[in-house]
Protein backbone atom coordinates (compact mmCIF):
# COMPACT_ATOMS: atom_id res chain seq x y z
CA MET A 1 199.12 170.92 84.81
CA ASP A 2 200.22 174.24 86.45
CA ASN A 3 203.67 172.59 87.27
CA LEU A 4 204.10 171.77 83.52
CA ALA A 5 203.58 175.50 82.60
CA GLN A 6 206.00 176.48 85.08
CA ILE A 7 208.89 174.64 83.53
CA MET A 8 208.15 175.83 79.98
CA PRO A 9 210.12 178.80 78.36
CA LEU A 10 208.76 182.15 79.48
CA ARG A 11 208.12 183.32 76.01
CA PHE A 12 205.80 180.39 75.26
CA ARG A 13 203.92 180.22 78.55
CA ASP A 14 201.02 182.46 77.58
CA LYS A 15 200.45 180.34 74.56
CA LEU A 16 200.84 177.07 76.25
CA ALA A 17 198.88 177.82 79.41
CA PRO A 18 195.31 177.26 77.95
CA VAL A 19 196.57 174.45 75.60
CA LEU A 20 198.14 172.36 78.44
CA LYS A 21 194.65 172.16 80.05
CA ASN A 22 193.46 169.84 77.18
CA PRO A 23 192.91 166.39 79.02
CA VAL A 24 193.95 164.41 75.80
CA ILE A 25 197.60 165.57 75.77
CA GLU A 26 200.06 162.54 76.50
CA GLU A 27 203.39 164.08 75.42
CA ILE A 28 205.11 167.09 75.06
CA ARG A 29 208.02 167.08 72.54
CA ILE A 30 210.73 169.66 72.73
CA ARG A 31 213.36 169.61 69.83
CA VAL A 32 215.94 172.25 69.12
CA GLY A 33 215.23 173.95 65.74
CA GLN A 34 211.66 172.74 65.74
CA PRO A 35 208.20 173.89 66.97
CA ILE A 36 206.77 172.34 70.16
CA GLU A 37 204.90 169.25 69.51
CA LEU A 38 201.81 168.29 71.59
CA ARG A 39 201.19 164.57 71.23
CA CYS A 40 197.37 163.84 71.76
CA ARG A 41 195.50 160.57 71.76
CA GLU A 42 194.01 161.04 68.29
CA GLU A 43 195.99 163.92 66.68
CA ASN A 44 199.01 166.10 67.20
CA LEU A 45 199.24 169.81 67.80
CA TRP A 46 202.12 172.09 66.89
CA LEU A 47 203.17 175.64 67.90
CA SER A 48 204.26 178.02 65.29
CA GLU A 49 207.65 179.16 66.56
CA CYS A 50 210.82 177.02 66.88
CA ILE A 51 212.62 176.13 69.77
CA LEU A 52 215.95 177.68 70.47
CA PRO A 53 219.04 176.47 72.56
CA ASP A 54 218.26 179.32 75.08
CA ASP A 55 214.65 178.02 75.45
CA ILE A 56 215.86 174.48 76.43
CA GLU A 57 218.58 176.07 78.81
CA GLU A 58 215.97 178.01 80.35
CA MET A 59 213.63 174.78 80.72
CA LEU A 60 216.46 172.70 82.36
CA THR A 61 216.89 175.66 85.06
CA PHE A 62 213.39 175.67 85.89
CA ILE A 63 213.17 171.64 85.83
CA SER A 64 216.16 171.43 88.12
CA LYS A 65 214.89 174.44 90.44
CA TYR A 66 218.27 176.46 89.53
CA SER A 67 220.38 173.66 90.50
CA ILE A 68 221.08 171.46 87.55
CA TYR A 69 224.12 169.58 89.34
CA ALA A 70 221.81 168.35 91.97
CA TYR A 71 219.88 166.37 89.38
CA GLU A 72 223.01 165.16 87.50
CA GLU A 73 222.66 161.51 88.39
CA GLU A 74 218.90 161.39 87.14
CA MET A 75 219.84 163.28 84.06
CA ARG A 76 222.81 160.80 83.38
CA GLN A 77 220.23 158.16 83.18
CA GLY A 78 218.15 160.14 80.70
CA PHE A 79 215.06 160.99 82.77
CA LEU A 80 213.79 162.47 85.92
CA THR A 81 210.32 162.87 87.59
CA ILE A 82 209.01 166.12 88.64
CA GLU A 83 206.06 167.15 90.94
CA GLY A 84 202.81 165.83 89.77
CA GLY A 85 204.38 162.67 88.49
CA HIS A 86 205.29 164.05 85.00
CA ARG A 87 208.49 162.24 83.70
CA ILE A 88 210.90 164.13 81.53
CA GLY A 89 213.32 162.24 79.18
CA PHE A 90 216.49 163.95 77.89
CA ALA A 91 218.64 163.38 74.73
CA GLY A 92 221.83 165.38 73.76
CA GLN A 93 225.41 164.69 73.77
CA VAL A 94 226.81 162.24 76.25
CA ARG A 95 230.25 161.89 77.97
CA LEU A 96 231.81 158.47 78.26
CA LEU A 97 234.45 156.89 80.66
CA GLU A 98 235.45 153.44 80.03
CA GLY A 99 232.43 152.86 77.81
CA LYS A 100 229.84 154.13 80.36
CA ILE A 101 227.93 157.35 80.37
CA THR A 102 229.26 159.77 83.07
CA HIS A 103 226.96 162.70 82.32
CA MET A 104 225.08 164.53 79.64
CA VAL A 105 225.87 167.71 78.06
CA ASN A 106 224.25 169.78 75.25
CA ILE A 107 220.82 168.60 76.07
CA ARG A 108 218.72 169.57 73.16
CA PHE A 109 215.80 167.34 73.16
CA LEU A 110 213.18 166.79 75.86
CA ASN A 111 210.21 164.40 75.91
CA ILE A 112 207.66 165.21 78.71
CA ARG A 113 205.19 162.25 79.32
CA VAL A 114 202.11 163.84 80.89
CA ALA A 115 201.01 161.91 84.15
CA ARG A 116 197.41 160.86 84.58
CA GLU A 117 196.19 158.39 86.53
CA ASN A 118 193.27 156.19 85.37
CA LYS A 119 191.84 154.94 88.59
CA GLY A 120 189.36 151.97 88.03
CA CYS A 121 190.68 151.05 84.92
CA ALA A 122 191.68 147.64 85.95
CA GLY A 123 188.50 146.82 87.86
CA ALA A 124 187.47 143.91 85.45
CA LEU A 125 191.07 142.39 85.87
CA ILE A 126 190.91 142.11 89.60
CA PRO A 127 188.65 139.00 90.02
CA TRP A 128 191.01 137.01 87.75
CA ILE A 129 194.19 137.76 89.82
CA TYR A 130 192.89 138.50 93.26
CA ARG A 131 189.99 136.34 94.93
CA ASP A 132 188.90 135.60 98.50
CA GLY A 133 192.13 137.53 99.80
CA GLU A 134 194.43 135.35 97.59
CA PHE A 135 196.70 136.83 95.00
CA TYR A 136 197.86 134.85 92.05
CA ASN A 137 201.42 135.34 90.72
CA THR A 138 200.58 137.47 87.78
CA LEU A 139 202.40 138.60 84.64
CA LEU A 140 200.92 141.47 82.54
CA VAL A 141 201.73 141.42 78.89
CA SER A 142 201.49 144.02 76.33
CA PRO A 143 203.20 145.97 73.59
CA PRO A 144 204.48 149.44 74.35
CA GLY A 145 202.08 152.20 74.45
CA VAL A 146 199.01 149.87 75.36
CA GLY A 147 198.78 150.61 79.10
CA LYS A 148 200.50 147.97 81.08
CA THR A 149 202.09 150.22 83.45
CA THR A 150 198.81 152.09 83.99
CA TYR A 151 196.96 148.73 84.70
CA LEU A 152 199.62 147.50 87.02
CA ARG A 153 199.36 150.80 89.07
CA ASP A 154 195.56 150.60 89.25
CA CYS A 155 195.69 146.94 90.33
CA ILE A 156 198.29 147.70 92.98
CA ARG A 157 196.08 150.54 94.33
CA GLN A 158 192.92 148.14 94.49
CA ILE A 159 194.87 145.22 96.06
CA SER A 160 196.58 147.14 98.78
CA GLY A 161 193.83 149.50 99.78
CA GLY A 162 190.26 149.08 101.21
CA GLY A 163 189.57 146.85 104.06
CA ASP A 164 191.51 144.61 106.35
CA GLU A 165 192.12 142.13 103.58
CA GLY A 166 194.38 144.46 101.67
CA LYS A 167 197.94 143.05 100.92
CA LYS A 168 201.21 144.75 101.63
CA VAL A 169 202.73 145.48 98.33
CA CYS A 170 206.38 146.56 97.63
CA VAL A 171 206.88 148.25 94.36
CA ILE A 172 210.52 147.98 92.66
CA ASP A 173 210.35 151.21 90.66
CA GLU A 174 213.43 150.90 88.59
CA ARG A 175 212.64 153.81 86.20
CA SER A 176 210.21 155.81 88.47
CA GLU A 177 207.23 154.91 86.18
CA ILE A 178 204.77 153.08 88.43
CA ALA A 179 204.63 155.33 91.61
CA ALA A 180 206.31 158.50 89.93
CA CYS A 181 208.34 159.53 93.12
CA HIS A 182 209.38 163.08 93.45
CA LEU A 183 211.84 163.63 96.18
CA GLY A 184 210.91 160.04 97.61
CA ILE A 185 207.02 160.75 97.64
CA PRO A 186 204.85 158.79 95.30
CA GLN A 187 202.85 161.28 93.08
CA ASN A 188 200.51 158.33 92.15
CA ASP A 189 198.02 156.71 94.47
CA LEU A 190 199.17 153.15 95.10
CA GLY A 191 196.88 152.50 97.95
CA ARG A 192 197.34 152.36 101.89
CA ARG A 193 199.64 149.38 102.11
CA THR A 194 202.26 150.15 99.48
CA ASP A 195 205.86 150.91 99.90
CA VAL A 196 208.15 151.97 97.01
CA ILE A 197 211.82 151.38 96.39
CA ASP A 198 212.53 153.99 93.78
CA GLY A 199 215.35 154.06 91.10
CA CYS A 200 216.77 150.87 92.13
CA PRO A 201 217.69 147.99 89.78
CA LYS A 202 215.00 145.09 89.84
CA GLY A 203 217.32 142.30 90.97
CA GLU A 204 218.70 144.53 93.88
CA GLY A 205 215.36 146.01 94.76
CA MET A 206 213.79 142.69 95.16
CA LEU A 207 216.45 141.51 97.50
CA LEU A 208 216.21 144.64 99.56
CA ALA A 209 212.34 144.21 99.71
CA LEU A 210 212.58 140.71 100.86
CA ARG A 211 215.07 141.72 103.66
CA SER A 212 213.44 144.72 104.93
CA MET A 213 209.90 145.16 104.06
CA SER A 214 208.27 141.79 104.56
CA PRO A 215 205.75 142.11 101.59
CA ASP A 216 203.01 139.95 100.63
CA ILE A 217 203.43 140.96 96.88
CA ILE A 218 206.38 142.32 94.99
CA ALA A 219 205.52 144.43 92.07
CA VAL A 220 208.04 145.04 89.28
CA ASP A 221 207.80 146.49 85.79
CA GLU A 222 209.36 145.40 82.42
CA LEU A 223 210.76 142.13 83.31
CA GLY A 224 212.74 139.94 80.88
CA GLY A 225 216.31 140.33 81.75
CA GLU A 226 218.77 137.47 82.23
CA GLU A 227 218.64 137.73 86.07
CA ASP A 228 215.06 138.41 86.46
CA GLY A 229 214.00 134.83 86.50
CA ILE A 230 216.43 133.91 89.30
CA MET A 231 215.31 136.75 91.46
CA LEU A 232 211.55 135.98 90.68
CA ARG A 233 212.18 132.30 91.86
CA GLN A 234 214.03 133.32 94.95
CA ALA A 235 211.12 135.74 95.83
CA ALA A 236 208.40 132.85 95.41
CA LEU A 237 210.48 130.55 97.58
CA SER A 238 210.53 133.30 100.34
CA GLY A 239 206.78 133.11 100.37
CA CYS A 240 206.17 136.35 98.36
CA GLN A 241 203.76 136.60 95.56
CA ILE A 242 204.82 138.28 92.18
CA PHE A 243 203.01 140.98 90.12
CA GLY A 244 205.18 141.72 86.97
CA THR A 245 204.77 143.25 83.41
CA VAL A 246 206.59 142.41 80.33
CA HIS A 247 206.65 143.48 76.70
CA GLY A 248 204.98 141.03 74.23
CA ARG A 249 201.83 140.52 72.12
CA GLU A 250 201.30 136.84 72.37
CA LEU A 251 202.47 133.75 74.25
CA ALA A 252 205.18 133.18 71.61
CA ASP A 253 207.03 136.46 72.64
CA LEU A 254 207.36 135.30 76.10
CA LYS A 255 208.93 132.09 75.19
CA ARG A 256 211.48 133.88 73.18
CA LYS A 257 212.87 135.50 76.60
CA PRO A 258 214.79 133.01 78.46
CA SER A 259 214.05 134.00 81.89
CA ILE A 260 210.53 134.28 81.40
CA ARG A 261 210.34 131.02 79.47
CA THR A 262 211.97 129.25 82.61
CA CYS A 263 209.19 130.93 84.57
CA ILE A 264 206.65 129.39 82.27
CA ASN A 265 208.18 125.89 82.43
CA GLU A 266 208.02 126.13 86.18
CA GLN A 267 204.66 127.23 86.34
CA LEU A 268 205.67 130.18 88.58
CA PHE A 269 202.91 132.52 87.18
CA LYS A 270 199.38 131.47 87.77
CA ARG A 271 197.88 134.16 85.48
CA TYR A 272 199.05 135.75 82.26
CA ILE A 273 197.11 138.91 81.24
CA PHE A 274 197.36 139.94 77.72
CA LEU A 275 196.43 143.47 77.16
CA LYS A 276 195.28 144.78 73.71
CA LYS A 277 194.23 148.10 72.13
CA ASP A 278 192.27 148.35 68.97
CA ASP A 279 192.46 151.20 66.22
CA ARG A 280 189.89 153.48 68.22
CA GLY A 281 192.08 153.13 71.48
CA ARG A 282 189.72 150.62 73.13
CA ARG A 283 191.46 148.30 75.47
CA SER A 284 190.58 144.56 76.13
CA PHE A 285 192.28 141.68 77.82
CA SER A 286 192.53 137.93 77.71
CA VAL A 287 193.56 135.60 80.59
CA PHE A 288 195.68 132.45 80.60
CA ASP A 289 196.25 130.13 83.45
CA GLN A 290 199.59 128.49 84.75
CA GLU A 291 199.24 125.84 81.90
CA LEU A 292 198.63 128.55 79.25
CA LYS A 293 195.02 127.63 78.90
CA ASN A 294 192.79 130.57 77.96
CA ILE A 295 190.37 131.04 80.67
CA CYS A 296 188.93 134.49 79.75
């Protein structure tokens, strides 16, 4: 967590240094005129002093390593990933040209999502989606905040690592959340045989992977867009397996998304994994096959 301390305002560093060692911190919220909020698994912590505009300007200087213009494109999209895999979201005033965001000014709100790998968390899932060297086209489903990206990441690591049977996986990391690349280098462990196309739209990324990387499996986060179904079918016809995630709580949610509904009707996915989290934060999963029969 040392790299997180190094981007904090100087006047807060001594107070934050011991606090940031807390392993349950998940987010650090910075808001002008408000105290720093440390969001933890079960409770939130607050510092007493409020953030000033100068504090945020100081943080932006540290985050961009004294060259904020070098990170304009990432900041225009609303986020960037720093060393260690921590993801920083930005909010403030945007400038528009013909209805599109050209850049962001007067940034006054930051959301730092603390990166932590949970290696081995998906161990119980693996036998349902990967058996005897065969991977089943899989869609991982959960509401936001339950951990589908964490489970996707760990599955990729296990499937692409290990012995001679490991699969070649190409990750299309549109929002830099799976690999958490910093300067093109994954900050998360995705296994020995994984390649990453970072910051690229899903459709274009899948085409690029098929043309250049000869993957056994394409992994992509947060499917559901209008074009996603077309690209998924094209990838499947090319002999590539698909491992994707989508927001949802139950099968009815998937059927409301036209692109996913088409994949269901065509039985493109052989496994649907639904993740759940109870009030105590304990996670569980259920498995459905291509005919939407509950098999676990």
